[in-house]
Amino acid sequence: MRFQTRIPHNVITIDQRAATPPFEQLRAGLLAQVSNGQLARGSRLPTVRALADELGLAPNTVARAYRELEAVGIIETRGRNGSFVSEHEDAVTRDAQRAARDYADRIRQLGVSRADAIEFVNVALDH
């Protein structure tokens, strides 16, 4: 069984038959939408209960996805005001940028060409 929702104007699909648990599907879907800009910083997210009802999930499933995203700074909960996409640079972006800088520094030390370095990254991402 598959459920879809729009968070605002964006679709997240939950496949109950998938090997990936529903909370992880939701967490990954929200993270992807924040990362690609479909969910802008400061966007208000649906309440746990409303999103759970819309997706046919238990409220605890949605709450877990929200908690995990909050723990890494992707979303923030403002008490009675609800949950929002964090206005601050998210931890995933910050960590990815740090990893890229570390990689670039090491590649320079090794004397590897830019083209080879990019190819190494492409191969690594494909596996």
PDB file of N, CA and C in Angstrom:
ATOM      1  N   MET A   1       0.847  -1.170   0.000  1.00  0.00           N
ATOM      2  CA  MET A   1       0.000   0.000   0.000  1.00  0.00           C
ATOM      3  C   MET A   1       0.893   1.233   0.000  1.00  0.00           C
ATOM      4  N   ARG A   2       0.598   2.187  -0.866  1.00  0.00           N
ATOM      5  CA  ARG A   2       1.385   3.411  -0.959  1.00  0.00           C
ATOM      6  C   ARG A   2       0.519   4.599  -0.595  1.00  0.00           C
ATOM      7  N   PHE A   3       1.082   5.504   0.185  1.00  0.00           N
ATOM      8  CA  PHE A   3       0.404   6.739   0.545  1.00  0.00           C
ATOM      9  C   PHE A   3       1.266   7.897   0.075  1.00  0.00           C
ATOM     10  N   GLN A   4       0.623   8.970  -0.322  1.00  0.00           N
ATOM     11  CA  GLN A   4       1.346  10.157  -0.752  1.00  0.00           C
ATOM     12  C   GLN A   4       0.810  11.361   0.003  1.00  0.00           C
ATOM     13  N   THR A   5       1.669  12.323   0.176  1.00  0.00           N
ATOM     14  CA  THR A   5       1.242  13.588   0.752  1.00  0.00           C
ATOM     15  C   THR A   5       1.993  14.722   0.090  1.00  0.00           C
ATOM     16  N   ARG A   6       1.414  15.882   0.160  1.00  0.00           N
ATOM     17  CA  ARG A   6       2.086  17.093  -0.290  1.00  0.00           C
ATOM     18  C   ARG A   6       2.456  17.892   0.948  1.00  0.00           C
ATOM     19  N   ILE A   7       3.706  18.231   1.037  1.00  0.00           N
ATOM     20  CA  ILE A   7       4.196  19.004   2.176  1.00  0.00           C
ATOM     21  C   ILE A   7       4.794  20.250   1.612  1.00  0.00           C
ATOM     22  N   PRO A   8       4.303  21.333   1.869  1.00  0.00           N
ATOM     23  CA  PRO A   8       3.375  22.053   1.019  1.00  0.00           C
ATOM     24  C   PRO A   8       3.799  21.988  -0.443  1.00  0.00           C
ATOM     25  N   HIS A   9       2.928  21.501  -1.250  1.00  0.00           N
ATOM     26  CA  HIS A   9       3.087  21.377  -2.697  1.00  0.00           C
ATOM     27  C   HIS A   9       4.181  20.409  -3.120  1.00  0.00           C
ATOM     28  N   ASN A  10       4.598  19.543  -2.260  1.00  0.00           N
ATOM     29  CA  ASN A  10       5.616  18.549  -2.589  1.00  0.00           C
ATOM     30  C   ASN A  10       5.103  17.175  -2.200  1.00  0.00           C
ATOM     31  N   VAL A  11       5.482  16.162  -2.951  1.00  0.00           N
ATOM     32  CA  VAL A  11       4.951  14.832  -2.720  1.00  0.00           C
ATOM     33  C   VAL A  11       5.967  13.954  -1.995  1.00  0.00           C
ATOM     34  N   ILE A  12       5.507  13.287  -0.964  1.00  0.00           N
ATOM     35  CA  ILE A  12       6.265  12.233  -0.299  1.00  0.00           C
ATOM     36  C   ILE A  12       5.410  10.984  -0.381  1.00  0.00           C
ATOM     37  N   THR A  13       6.016   9.897  -0.809  1.00  0.00           N
ATOM     38  CA  THR A  13       5.309   8.634  -0.935  1.00  0.00           C
ATOM     39  C   THR A  13       5.845   7.652   0.100  1.00  0.00           C
ATOM     40  N   ILE A  14       4.947   7.003   0.808  1.00  0.00           N
ATOM     41  CA  ILE A  14       5.304   5.969   1.776  1.00  0.00           C
ATOM     42  C   ILE A  14       4.802   4.638   1.222  1.00  0.00           C
ATOM     43  N   ASP A  15       5.712   3.694   1.058  1.00  0.00           N
ATOM     44  CA  ASP A  15       5.358   2.361   0.569  1.00  0.00           C
ATOM     45  C   ASP A  15       5.446   1.395   1.744  1.00  0.00           C
ATOM     46  N   GLN A  16       4.293   0.964   2.232  1.00  0.00           N
ATOM     47  CA  GLN A  16       4.237   0.084   3.406  1.00  0.00           C
ATOM     48  C   GLN A  16       4.872  -1.280   3.138  1.00  0.00           C
ATOM     49  N   ARG A  17       5.014  -1.659   1.863  1.00  0.00           N
ATOM     50  CA  ARG A  17       5.594  -2.969   1.528  1.00  0.00           C
ATOM     51  C   ARG A  17       7.106  -2.899   1.350  1.00  0.00           C
ATOM     52  N   ALA A  18       7.667  -1.710   1.355  1.00  0.00           N
ATOM     53  CA  ALA A  18       9.106  -1.550   1.137  1.00  0.00           C
ATOM     54  C   ALA A  18       9.894  -2.084   2.330  1.00  0.00           C
ATOM     55  N   ALA A  19      11.136  -2.480   2.077  1.00  0.00           N
ATOM     56  CA  ALA A  19      12.010  -2.955   3.149  1.00  0.00           C
ATOM     57  C   ALA A  19      12.409  -1.809   4.083  1.00  0.00           C
ATOM     58  N   THR A  20      12.414  -0.584   3.561  1.00  0.00           N
ATOM     59  CA  THR A  20      12.764   0.580   4.366  1.00  0.00           C
ATOM     60  C   THR A  20      11.582   0.944   5.258  1.00  0.00           C
ATOM     61  N   PRO A  21      11.814   1.110   6.562  1.00  0.00           N
ATOM     62  CA  PRO A  21      10.707   1.440   7.473  1.00  0.00           C
ATOM     63  C   PRO A  21      10.055   2.772   7.085  1.00  0.00           C
ATOM     64  N   PRO A  22       8.759   2.903   7.361  1.00  0.00           N
ATOM     65  CA  PRO A  22       8.048   4.137   7.012  1.00  0.00           C
ATOM     66  C   PRO A  22       8.663   5.403   7.593  1.00  0.00           C
ATOM     67  N   PHE A  23       9.148   5.352   8.852  1.00  0.00           N
ATOM     68  CA  PHE A  23       9.723   6.571   9.431  1.00  0.00           C
ATOM     69  C   PHE A  23      10.950   6.998   8.638  1.00  0.00           C
ATOM     70  N   GLU A  24      11.730   6.024   8.139  1.00  0.00           N
ATOM     71  CA  GLU A  24      12.933   6.337   7.368  1.00  0.00           C
ATOM     72  C   GLU A  24      12.553   6.868   5.983  1.00  0.00           C
ATOM     73  N   GLN A  25      11.498   6.328   5.380  1.00  0.00           N
ATOM     74  CA  GLN A  25      11.035   6.858   4.102  1.00  0.00           C
ATOM     75  C   GLN A  25      10.611   8.314   4.255  1.00  0.00           C
ATOM     76  N   LEU A  26       9.900   8.603   5.329  1.00  0.00           N
ATOM     77  CA  LEU A  26       9.449   9.969   5.580  1.00  0.00           C
ATOM     78  C   LEU A  26      10.638  10.879   5.877  1.00  0.00           C
ATOM     79  N   ARG A  27      11.545  10.426   6.731  1.00  0.00           N
ATOM     80  CA  ARG A  27      12.734  11.215   7.070  1.00  0.00           C
ATOM     81  C   ARG A  27      13.545  11.534   5.820  1.00  0.00           C
ATOM     82  N   ALA A  28      13.782  10.520   4.995  1.00  0.00           N
ATOM     83  CA  ALA A  28      14.566  10.712   3.764  1.00  0.00           C
ATOM     84  C   ALA A  28      13.843  11.633   2.784  1.00  0.00           C
ATOM     85  N   GLY A  29      12.519  11.489   2.697  1.00  0.00           N
ATOM     86  CA  GLY A  29      11.747  12.351   1.795  1.00  0.00           C
ATOM     87  C   GLY A  29      11.791  13.804   2.212  1.00  0.00           C
ATOM     88  N   LEU A  30      11.639  14.050   3.504  1.00  0.00           N
ATOM     89  CA  LEU A  30      11.712  15.426   4.003  1.00  0.00           C
ATOM     90  C   LEU A  30      13.117  15.993   3.819  1.00  0.00           C
ATOM     91  N   LEU A  31      14.126  15.191   4.134  1.00  0.00           N
ATOM     92  CA  LEU A  31      15.505  15.640   3.979  1.00  0.00           C
ATOM     93  C   LEU A  31      15.807  15.985   2.523  1.00  0.00           C
ATOM     94  N   ALA A  32      15.350  15.159   1.606  1.00  0.00           N
ATOM     95  CA  ALA A  32      15.577  15.434   0.180  1.00  0.00           C
ATOM     96  C   ALA A  32      14.910  16.738  -0.234  1.00  0.00           C
ATOM     97  N   GLN A  33      13.696  16.980   0.243  1.00  0.00           N
ATOM     98  CA  GLN A  33      12.983  18.203  -0.125  1.00  0.00           C
ATOM     99  C   GLN A  33      13.635  19.447   0.470  1.00  0.00           C
ATOM    100  N   VAL A  34      14.193  19.321   1.656  1.00  0.00           N
ATOM    101  CA  VAL A  34      14.913  20.455   2.247  1.00  0.00           C
ATOM    102  C   VAL A  34      16.214  20.680   1.475  1.00  0.00           C
ATOM    103  N   SER A  35      16.923  19.589   1.189  1.00  0.00           N
ATOM    104  CA  SER A  35      18.215  19.697   0.503  1.00  0.00           C
ATOM    105  C   SER A  35      18.090  20.283  -0.896  1.00  0.00           C
ATOM    106  N   ASN A  36      17.018  19.922  -1.613  1.00  0.00           N
ATOM    107  CA  ASN A  36      16.889  20.427  -2.990  1.00  0.00           C
ATOM    108  C   ASN A  36      16.080  21.718  -3.076  1.00  0.00           C
ATOM    109  N   GLY A  37      15.669  22.245  -1.927  1.00  0.00           N
ATOM    110  CA  GLY A  37      14.994  23.543  -1.905  1.00  0.00           C
ATOM    111  C   GLY A  37      13.492  23.492  -2.107  1.00  0.00           C
ATOM    112  N   GLN A  38      12.913  22.301  -2.271  1.00  0.00           N
ATOM    113  CA  GLN A  38      11.455  22.225  -2.407  1.00  0.00           C
ATOM    114  C   GLN A  38      10.760  22.667  -1.127  1.00  0.00           C
ATOM    115  N   LEU A  39      11.380  22.380  -0.010  1.00  0.00           N
ATOM    116  CA  LEU A  39      10.897  22.882   1.281  1.00  0.00           C
ATOM    117  C   LEU A  39      11.875  23.960   1.717  1.00  0.00           C
ATOM    118  N   ALA A  40      11.446  25.193   1.649  1.00  0.00           N
ATOM    119  CA  ALA A  40      12.323  26.328   1.945  1.00  0.00           C
ATOM    120  C   ALA A  40      12.553  26.460   3.442  1.00  0.00           C
ATOM    121  N   ARG A  41      13.677  27.058   3.784  1.00  0.00           N
ATOM    122  CA  ARG A  41      13.949  27.357   5.190  1.00  0.00           C
ATOM    123  C   ARG A  41      12.817  28.205   5.741  1.00  0.00           C
ATOM    124  N   GLY A  42      12.400  27.851   6.941  1.00  0.00           N
ATOM    125  CA  GLY A  42      11.311  28.572   7.583  1.00  0.00           C
ATOM    126  C   GLY A  42       9.923  28.021   7.265  1.00  0.00           C
ATOM    127  N   SER A  43       9.823  27.063   6.332  1.00  0.00           N
ATOM    128  CA  SER A  43       8.513  26.482   5.990  1.00  0.00           C
ATOM    129  C   SER A  43       7.934  25.747   7.181  1.00  0.00           C
ATOM    130  N   ARG A  44       6.650  25.958   7.390  1.00  0.00           N
ATOM    131  CA  ARG A  44       5.965  25.249   8.476  1.00  0.00           C
ATOM    132  C   ARG A  44       5.595  23.861   7.996  1.00  0.00           C
ATOM    133  N   LEU A  45       5.850  22.858   8.826  1.00  0.00           N
ATOM    134  CA  LEU A  45       5.508  21.480   8.512  1.00  0.00           C
ATOM    135  C   LEU A  45       4.152  21.147   9.112  1.00  0.00           C
ATOM    136  N   PRO A  46       3.473  20.151   8.543  1.00  0.00           N
ATOM    137  CA  PRO A  46       2.200  19.729   9.136  1.00  0.00           C
ATOM    138  C   PRO A  46       2.428  19.212  10.558  1.00  0.00           C
ATOM    139  N   THR A  47       1.396  19.256  11.368  1.00  0.00           N
ATOM    140  CA  THR A  47       1.503  18.669  12.705  1.00  0.00           C
ATOM    141  C   THR A  47       1.737  17.175  12.563  1.00  0.00           C
ATOM    142  N   VAL A  48       2.283  16.589  13.598  1.00  0.00           N
ATOM    143  CA  VAL A  48       2.533  15.143  13.605  1.00  0.00           C
ATOM    144  C   VAL A  48       1.238  14.404  13.318  1.00  0.00           C
ATOM    145  N   ARG A  49       0.191  14.767  14.012  1.00  0.00           N
ATOM    146  CA  ARG A  49      -1.087  14.070  13.849  1.00  0.00           C
ATOM    147  C   ARG A  49      -1.661  14.250  12.447  1.00  0.00           C
ATOM    148  N   ALA A  50      -1.607  15.462  11.921  1.00  0.00           N
ATOM    149  CA  ALA A  50      -2.160  15.714  10.583  1.00  0.00           C
ATOM    150  C   ALA A  50      -1.393  14.930   9.521  1.00  0.00           C
ATOM    151  N   LEU A  51      -0.074  14.919   9.621  1.00  0.00           N
ATOM    152  CA  LEU A  51       0.721  14.197   8.633  1.00  0.00           C
ATOM    153  C   LEU A  51       0.525  12.689   8.775  1.00  0.00           C
ATOM    154  N   ALA A  52       0.435  12.217  10.005  1.00  0.00           N
ATOM    155  CA  ALA A  52       0.183  10.792  10.236  1.00  0.00           C
ATOM    156  C   ALA A  52      -1.154  10.378   9.619  1.00  0.00           C
ATOM    157  N   ASP A  53      -2.191  11.185   9.846  1.00  0.00           N
ATOM    158  CA  ASP A  53      -3.506  10.888   9.267  1.00  0.00           C
ATOM    159  C   ASP A  53      -3.453  10.887   7.743  1.00  0.00           C
ATOM    160  N   GLU A  54      -2.775  11.872   7.187  1.00  0.00           N
ATOM    161  CA  GLU A  54      -2.709  12.001   5.735  1.00  0.00           C
ATOM    162  C   GLU A  54      -1.968  10.831   5.089  1.00  0.00           C
ATOM    163  N   LEU A  55      -0.914  10.346   5.757  1.00  0.00           N
ATOM    164  CA  LEU A  55      -0.108   9.263   5.197  1.00  0.00           C
ATOM    165  C   LEU A  55      -0.550   7.876   5.653  1.00  0.00           C
ATOM    166  N   GLY A  56      -1.499   7.818   6.574  1.00  0.00           N
ATOM    167  CA  GLY A  56      -1.926   6.517   7.084  1.00  0.00           C
ATOM    168  C   GLY A  56      -0.871   5.886   7.982  1.00  0.00           C
ATOM    169  N   LEU A  57      -0.158   6.716   8.721  1.00  0.00           N
ATOM    170  CA  LEU A  57       0.898   6.246   9.622  1.00  0.00           C
ATOM    171  C   LEU A  57       0.495   6.486  11.066  1.00  0.00           C
ATOM    172  N   ALA A  58       1.167   5.806  11.958  1.00  0.00           N
ATOM    173  CA  ALA A  58       0.980   6.068  13.384  1.00  0.00           C
ATOM    174  C   ALA A  58       1.654   7.399  13.716  1.00  0.00           C
ATOM    175  N   PRO A  59       1.053   8.185  14.610  1.00  0.00           N
ATOM    176  CA  PRO A  59       1.691   9.446  14.998  1.00  0.00           C
ATOM    177  C   PRO A  59       3.127   9.271  15.494  1.00  0.00           C
ATOM    178  N   ASN A  60       3.404   8.166  16.193  1.00  0.00           N
ATOM    179  CA  ASN A  60       4.765   7.926  16.684  1.00  0.00           C
ATOM    180  C   ASN A  60       5.768   7.773  15.540  1.00  0.00           C
ATOM    181  N   THR A  61       5.315   7.266  14.393  1.00  0.00           N
ATOM    182  CA  THR A  61       6.181   7.111  13.228  1.00  0.00           C
ATOM    183  C   THR A  61       6.604   8.481  12.704  1.00  0.00           C
ATOM    184  N   VAL A  62       5.638   9.382  12.577  1.00  0.00           N
ATOM    185  CA  VAL A  62       5.941  10.741  12.110  1.00  0.00           C
ATOM    186  C   VAL A  62       6.778  11.464  13.156  1.00  0.00           C
ATOM    187  N   ALA A  63       6.428  11.302  14.422  1.00  0.00           N
ATOM    188  CA  ALA A  63       7.184  11.959  15.495  1.00  0.00           C
ATOM    189  C   ALA A  63       8.639  11.507  15.481  1.00  0.00           C
ATOM    190  N   ARG A  64       8.891  10.235  15.218  1.00  0.00           N
ATOM    191  CA  ARG A  64      10.272   9.749  15.169  1.00  0.00           C
ATOM    192  C   ARG A  64      11.035  10.398  14.018  1.00  0.00           C
ATOM    193  N   ALA A  65      10.425  10.481  12.846  1.00  0.00           N
ATOM    194  CA  ALA A  65      11.080  11.127  11.702  1.00  0.00           C
ATOM    195  C   ALA A  65      11.392  12.580  12.029  1.00  0.00           C
ATOM    196  N   TYR A  66      10.429  13.283  12.620  1.00  0.00           N
ATOM    197  CA  TYR A  66      10.644  14.686  13.004  1.00  0.00           C
ATOM    198  C   TYR A  66      11.779  14.798  14.028  1.00  0.00           C
ATOM    199  N   ARG A  67      11.796  13.915  15.039  1.00  0.00           N
ATOM    200  CA  ARG A  67      12.837  13.955  16.077  1.00  0.00           C
ATOM    201  C   ARG A  67      14.225  13.755  15.474  1.00  0.00           C
ATOM    202  N   GLU A  68      14.327  12.803  14.553  1.00  0.00           N
ATOM    203  CA  GLU A  68      15.633  12.531  13.945  1.00  0.00           C
ATOM    204  C   GLU A  68      16.101  13.712  13.105  1.00  0.00           C
ATOM    205  N   LEU A  69      15.181  14.355  12.398  1.00  0.00           N
ATOM    206  CA  LEU A  69      15.553  15.531  11.614  1.00  0.00           C
ATOM    207  C   LEU A  69      15.888  16.712  12.521  1.00  0.00           C
ATOM    208  N   GLU A  70      15.205  16.804  13.638  1.00  0.00           N
ATOM    209  CA  GLU A  70      15.505  17.881  14.585  1.00  0.00           C
ATOM    210  C   GLU A  70      16.878  17.668  15.228  1.00  0.00           C
ATOM    211  N   ALA A  71      17.229  16.421  15.493  1.00  0.00           N
ATOM    212  CA  ALA A  71      18.510  16.114  16.136  1.00  0.00           C
ATOM    213  C   ALA A  71      19.705  16.548  15.292  1.00  0.00           C
ATOM    214  N   VAL A  72      19.540  16.582  13.971  1.00  0.00           N
ATOM    215  CA  VAL A  72      20.648  16.999  13.096  1.00  0.00           C
ATOM    216  C   VAL A  72      20.458  18.415  12.566  1.00  0.00           C
ATOM    217  N   GLY A  73      19.468  19.130  13.112  1.00  0.00           N
ATOM    218  CA  GLY A  73      19.303  20.541  12.784  1.00  0.00           C
ATOM    219  C   GLY A  73      18.568  20.841  11.494  1.00  0.00           C
ATOM    220  N   ILE A  74      17.879  19.860  10.924  1.00  0.00           N
ATOM    221  CA  ILE A  74      17.148  20.083   9.674  1.00  0.00           C
ATOM    222  C   ILE A  74      15.827  20.788   9.948  1.00  0.00           C
ATOM    223  N   ILE A  75      15.154  20.365  11.010  1.00  0.00           N
ATOM    224  CA  ILE A  75      13.907  21.026  11.395  1.00  0.00           C
ATOM    225  C   ILE A  75      14.034  21.475  12.840  1.00  0.00           C
ATOM    226  N   GLU A  76      13.144  22.361  13.241  1.00  0.00           N
ATOM    227  CA  GLU A  76      13.103  22.806  14.634  1.00  0.00           C
ATOM    228  C   GLU A  76      11.652  22.859  15.071  1.00  0.00           C
ATOM    229  N   THR A  77      11.433  22.462  16.306  1.00  0.00           N
ATOM    230  CA  THR A  77      10.098  22.501  16.874  1.00  0.00           C
ATOM    231  C   THR A  77      10.025  23.705  17.785  1.00  0.00           C
ATOM    232  N   ARG A  78       8.964  24.472  17.612  1.00  0.00           N
ATOM    233  CA  ARG A  78       8.782  25.710  18.389  1.00  0.00           C
ATOM    234  C   ARG A  78       7.565  25.583  19.300  1.00  0.00           C
ATOM    235  N   GLY A  79       7.573  24.540  20.082  1.00  0.00           N
ATOM    236  CA  GLY A  79       6.489  24.319  21.041  1.00  0.00           C
ATOM    237  C   GLY A  79       5.124  24.278  20.384  1.00  0.00           C
ATOM    238  N   ARG A  80       4.193  25.067  20.896  1.00  0.00           N
ATOM    239  CA  ARG A  80       2.823  25.099  20.379  1.00  0.00           C
ATOM    240  C   ARG A  80       2.734  25.658  18.956  1.00  0.00           C
ATOM    241  N   ASN A  81       3.775  26.343  18.515  1.00  0.00           N
ATOM    242  CA  ASN A  81       3.760  26.921  17.170  1.00  0.00           C
ATOM    243  C   ASN A  81       4.006  25.900  16.081  1.00  0.00           C
ATOM    244  N   GLY A  82       4.490  24.718  16.436  1.00  0.00           N
ATOM    245  CA  GLY A  82       4.680  23.661  15.463  1.00  0.00           C
ATOM    246  C   GLY A  82       6.128  23.428  15.068  1.00  0.00           C
ATOM    247  N   SER A  83       6.297  22.668  13.988  1.00  0.00           N
ATOM    248  CA  SER A  83       7.617  22.319  13.483  1.00  0.00           C
ATOM    249  C   SER A  83       7.868  23.039  12.166  1.00  0.00           C
ATOM    250  N   PHE A  84       9.097  23.461  11.982  1.00  0.00           N
ATOM    251  CA  PHE A  84       9.488  24.258  10.819  1.00  0.00           C
ATOM    252  C   PHE A  84      10.813  23.756  10.275  1.00  0.00           C
ATOM    253  N   VAL A  85      11.031  23.980   8.981  1.00  0.00           N
ATOM    254  CA  VAL A  85      12.357  23.745   8.416  1.00  0.00           C
ATOM    255  C   VAL A  85      13.267  24.782   9.050  1.00  0.00           C
ATOM    256  N   SER A  86      14.409  24.333   9.522  1.00  0.00           N
ATOM    257  CA  SER A  86      15.325  25.228  10.221  1.00  0.00           C
ATOM    258  C   SER A  86      15.730  26.397   9.337  1.00  0.00           C
ATOM    259  N   GLU A  87      15.810  27.558   9.944  1.00  0.00           N
ATOM    260  CA  GLU A  87      16.224  28.773   9.240  1.00  0.00           C
ATOM    261  C   GLU A  87      17.743  28.796   9.084  1.00  0.00           C
ATOM    262  N   HIS A  88      18.421  27.973   9.833  1.00  0.00           N
ATOM    263  CA  HIS A  88      19.876  27.964   9.843  1.00  0.00           C
ATOM    264  C   HIS A  88      20.391  26.921   8.865  1.00  0.00           C
ATOM    265  N   GLU A  89      21.630  27.086   8.459  1.00  0.00           N
ATOM    266  CA  GLU A  89      22.252  26.105   7.573  1.00  0.00           C
ATOM    267  C   GLU A  89      22.154  24.743   8.248  1.00  0.00           C
ATOM    268  N   ASP A  90      21.683  23.756   7.517  1.00  0.00           N
ATOM    269  CA  ASP A  90      21.491  22.454   8.138  1.00  0.00           C
ATOM    270  C   ASP A  90      22.811  21.707   8.332  1.00  0.00           C
ATOM    271  N   ALA A  91      22.795  20.793   9.280  1.00  0.00           N
ATOM    272  CA  ALA A  91      23.997  20.045   9.638  1.00  0.00           C
ATOM    273  C   ALA A  91      24.484  19.175   8.493  1.00  0.00           C
ATOM    274  N   VAL A  92      23.585  18.641   7.700  1.00  0.00           N
ATOM    275  CA  VAL A  92      23.982  17.793   6.573  1.00  0.00           C
ATOM    276  C   VAL A  92      24.805  18.606   5.581  1.00  0.00           C
ATOM    277  N   THR A  93      24.321  19.793   5.219  1.00  0.00           N
ATOM    278  CA  THR A  93      25.058  20.646   4.288  1.00  0.00           C
ATOM    279  C   THR A  93      26.408  21.028   4.868  1.00  0.00           C
ATOM    280  N   ARG A  94      26.421  21.408   6.121  1.00  0.00           N
ATOM    281  CA  ARG A  94      27.664  21.805   6.781  1.00  0.00           C
ATOM    282  C   ARG A  94      28.667  20.655   6.784  1.00  0.00           C
ATOM    283  N   ASP A  95      28.212  19.433   7.122  1.00  0.00           N
ATOM    284  CA  ASP A  95      29.105  18.276   7.150  1.00  0.00           C
ATOM    285  C   ASP A  95      29.591  17.908   5.750  1.00  0.00           C
ATOM    286  N   ALA A  96      28.709  18.014   4.765  1.00  0.00           N
ATOM    287  CA  ALA A  96      29.099  17.705   3.385  1.00  0.00           C
ATOM    288  C   ALA A  96      30.146  18.695   2.889  1.00  0.00           C
ATOM    289  N   GLN A  97      29.969  19.960   3.211  1.00  0.00           N
ATOM    290  CA  GLN A  97      30.942  20.964   2.801  1.00  0.00           C
ATOM    291  C   GLN A  97      32.296  20.718   3.477  1.00  0.00           C
ATOM    292  N   ARG A  98      32.269  20.341   4.738  1.00  0.00           N
ATOM    293  CA  ARG A  98      33.511  20.043   5.462  1.00  0.00           C
ATOM    294  C   ARG A  98      34.206  18.844   4.821  1.00  0.00           C
ATOM    295  N   ALA A  99      33.444  17.797   4.491  1.00  0.00           N
ATOM    296  CA  ALA A  99      34.019  16.605   3.855  1.00  0.00           C
ATOM    297  C   ALA A  99      34.624  16.959   2.499  1.00  0.00           C
ATOM    298  N   ALA A 100      33.953  17.827   1.742  1.00  0.00           N
ATOM    299  CA  ALA A 100      34.461  18.237   0.427  1.00  0.00           C
ATOM    300  C   ALA A 100      35.772  19.008   0.581  1.00  0.00           C
ATOM    301  N   ARG A 101      35.836  19.899   1.564  1.00  0.00           N
ATOM    302  CA  ARG A 101      37.078  20.647   1.799  1.00  0.00           C
ATOM    303  C   ARG A 101      38.221  19.716   2.190  1.00  0.00           C
ATOM    304  N   ASP A 102      37.932  18.755   3.075  1.00  0.00           N
ATOM    305  CA  ASP A 102      38.957  17.800   3.504  1.00  0.00           C
ATOM    306  C   ASP A 102      39.447  16.976   2.314  1.00  0.00           C
ATOM    307  N   TYR A 103      38.520  16.543   1.475  1.00  0.00           N
ATOM    308  CA  TYR A 103      38.872  15.766   0.293  1.00  0.00           C
ATOM    309  C   TYR A 103      39.739  16.601  -0.648  1.00  0.00           C
ATOM    310  N   ALA A 104      39.329  17.823  -0.912  1.00  0.00           N
ATOM    311  CA  ALA A 104      40.083  18.696  -1.816  1.00  0.00           C
ATOM    312  C   ALA A 104      41.493  18.945  -1.274  1.00  0.00           C
ATOM    313  N   ASP A 105      41.612  19.160   0.032  1.00  0.00           N
ATOM    314  CA  ASP A 105      42.932  19.373   0.633  1.00  0.00           C
ATOM    315  C   ASP A 105      43.822  18.149   0.434  1.00  0.00           C
ATOM    316  N   ARG A 106      43.260  16.970   0.668  1.00  0.00           N
ATOM    317  CA  ARG A 106      44.052  15.736   0.528  1.00  0.00           C
ATOM    318  C   ARG A 106      44.436  15.488  -0.927  1.00  0.00           C
ATOM    319  N   ILE A 107      43.529  15.755  -1.866  1.00  0.00           N
ATOM    320  CA  ILE A 107      43.807  15.579  -3.294  1.00  0.00           C
ATOM    321  C   ILE A 107      44.961  16.487  -3.714  1.00  0.00           C
ATOM    322  N   ARG A 108      44.961  17.735  -3.235  1.00  0.00           N
ATOM    323  CA  ARG A 108      46.050  18.667  -3.546  1.00  0.00           C
ATOM    324  C   ARG A 108      47.379  18.141  -3.010  1.00  0.00           C
ATOM    325  N   GLN A 109      47.355  17.614  -1.786  1.00  0.00           N
ATOM    326  CA  GLN A 109      48.575  17.069  -1.181  1.00  0.00           C
ATOM    327  C   GLN A 109      49.136  15.916  -2.011  1.00  0.00           C
ATOM    328  N   LEU A 110      48.232  15.119  -2.569  1.00  0.00           N
ATOM    329  CA  LEU A 110      48.648  13.957  -3.363  1.00  0.00           C
ATOM    330  C   LEU A 110      49.049  14.331  -4.784  1.00  0.00           C
ATOM    331  N   GLY A 111      48.700  15.535  -5.204  1.00  0.00           N
ATOM    332  CA  GLY A 111      49.031  15.968  -6.559  1.00  0.00           C
ATOM    333  C   GLY A 111      48.130  15.366  -7.623  1.00  0.00           C
ATOM    334  N   VAL A 112      46.921  14.970  -7.244  1.00  0.00           N
ATOM    335  CA  VAL A 112      45.961  14.374  -8.182  1.00  0.00           C
ATOM    336  C   VAL A 112      45.291  15.499  -8.960  1.00  0.00           C
ATOM    337  N   SER A 113      45.073  15.264 -10.251  1.00  0.00           N
ATOM    338  CA  SER A 113      44.440  16.289 -11.084  1.00  0.00           C
ATOM    339  C   SER A 113      42.975  16.471 -10.698  1.00  0.00           C
ATOM    340  N   ARG A 114      42.441  17.635 -11.027  1.00  0.00           N
ATOM    341  CA  ARG A 114      41.027  17.928 -10.767  1.00  0.00           C
ATOM    342  C   ARG A 114      40.127  16.913 -11.466  1.00  0.00           C
ATOM    343  N   ALA A 115      40.424  16.612 -12.728  1.00  0.00           N
ATOM    344  CA  ALA A 115      39.598  15.668 -13.493  1.00  0.00           C
ATOM    345  C   ALA A 115      39.588  14.291 -12.838  1.00  0.00           C
ATOM    346  N   ASP A 116      40.762  13.815 -12.407  1.00  0.00           N
ATOM    347  CA  ASP A 116      40.821  12.512 -11.739  1.00  0.00           C
ATOM    348  C   ASP A 116      40.083  12.549 -10.405  1.00  0.00           C
ATOM    349  N   ALA A 117      40.239  13.638  -9.649  1.00  0.00           N
ATOM    350  CA  ALA A 117      39.569  13.756  -8.352  1.00  0.00           C
ATOM    351  C   ALA A 117      38.054  13.696  -8.519  1.00  0.00           C
ATOM    352  N   ILE A 118      37.554  14.395  -9.521  1.00  0.00           N
ATOM    353  CA  ILE A 118      36.102  14.390  -9.769  1.00  0.00           C
ATOM    354  C   ILE A 118      35.652  13.001 -10.204  1.00  0.00           C
ATOM    355  N   GLU A 119      36.441  12.356 -11.021  1.00  0.00           N
ATOM    356  CA  GLU A 119      36.098  10.990 -11.450  1.00  0.00           C
ATOM    357  C   GLU A 119      36.057  10.039 -10.258  1.00  0.00           C
ATOM    358  N   PHE A 120      37.016  10.186  -9.327  1.00  0.00           N
ATOM    359  CA  PHE A 120      37.014   9.349  -8.122  1.00  0.00           C
ATOM    360  C   PHE A 120      35.721   9.537  -7.333  1.00  0.00           C
ATOM    361  N   VAL A 121      35.281  10.777  -7.211  1.00  0.00           N
ATOM    362  CA  VAL A 121      34.043  11.066  -6.484  1.00  0.00           C
ATOM    363  C   VAL A 121      32.849  10.452  -7.220  1.00  0.00           C
ATOM    364  N   ASN A 122      32.790  10.610  -8.531  1.00  0.00           N
ATOM    365  CA  ASN A 122      31.679  10.042  -9.306  1.00  0.00           C
ATOM    366  C   ASN A 122      31.609   8.525  -9.139  1.00  0.00           C
ATOM    367  N   VAL A 123      32.754   7.858  -9.212  1.00  0.00           N
ATOM    368  CA  VAL A 123      32.789   6.391  -9.029  1.00  0.00           C
ATOM    369  C   VAL A 123      32.332   6.028  -7.621  1.00  0.00           C
ATOM    370  N   ALA A 124      32.832   6.756  -6.624  1.00  0.00           N
ATOM    371  CA  ALA A 124      32.454   6.459  -5.239  1.00  0.00           C
ATOM    372  C   ALA A 124      30.965   6.650  -5.001  1.00  0.00           C
ATOM    373  N   LEU A 125      30.396   7.694  -5.578  1.00  0.00           N
ATOM    374  CA  LEU A 125      28.957   7.961  -5.399  1.00  0.00           C
ATOM    375  C   LEU A 125      28.089   6.937  -6.120  1.00  0.00           C
ATOM    376  N   ASP A 126      28.631   6.329  -7.172  1.00  0.00           N
ATOM    377  CA  ASP A 126      27.869   5.317  -7.915  1.00  0.00           C
ATOM    378  C   ASP A 126      27.863   3.959  -7.216  1.00  0.00           C
ATOM    379  N   HIS A 127      28.706   3.798  -6.200  1.00  0.00           N
ATOM    380  CA  HIS A 127      28.778   2.505  -5.510  1.00  0.00           C
ATOM    381  C   HIS A 127      28.251   2.551  -4.117  1.00  0.00           C
TER     382      HIS A 127
END
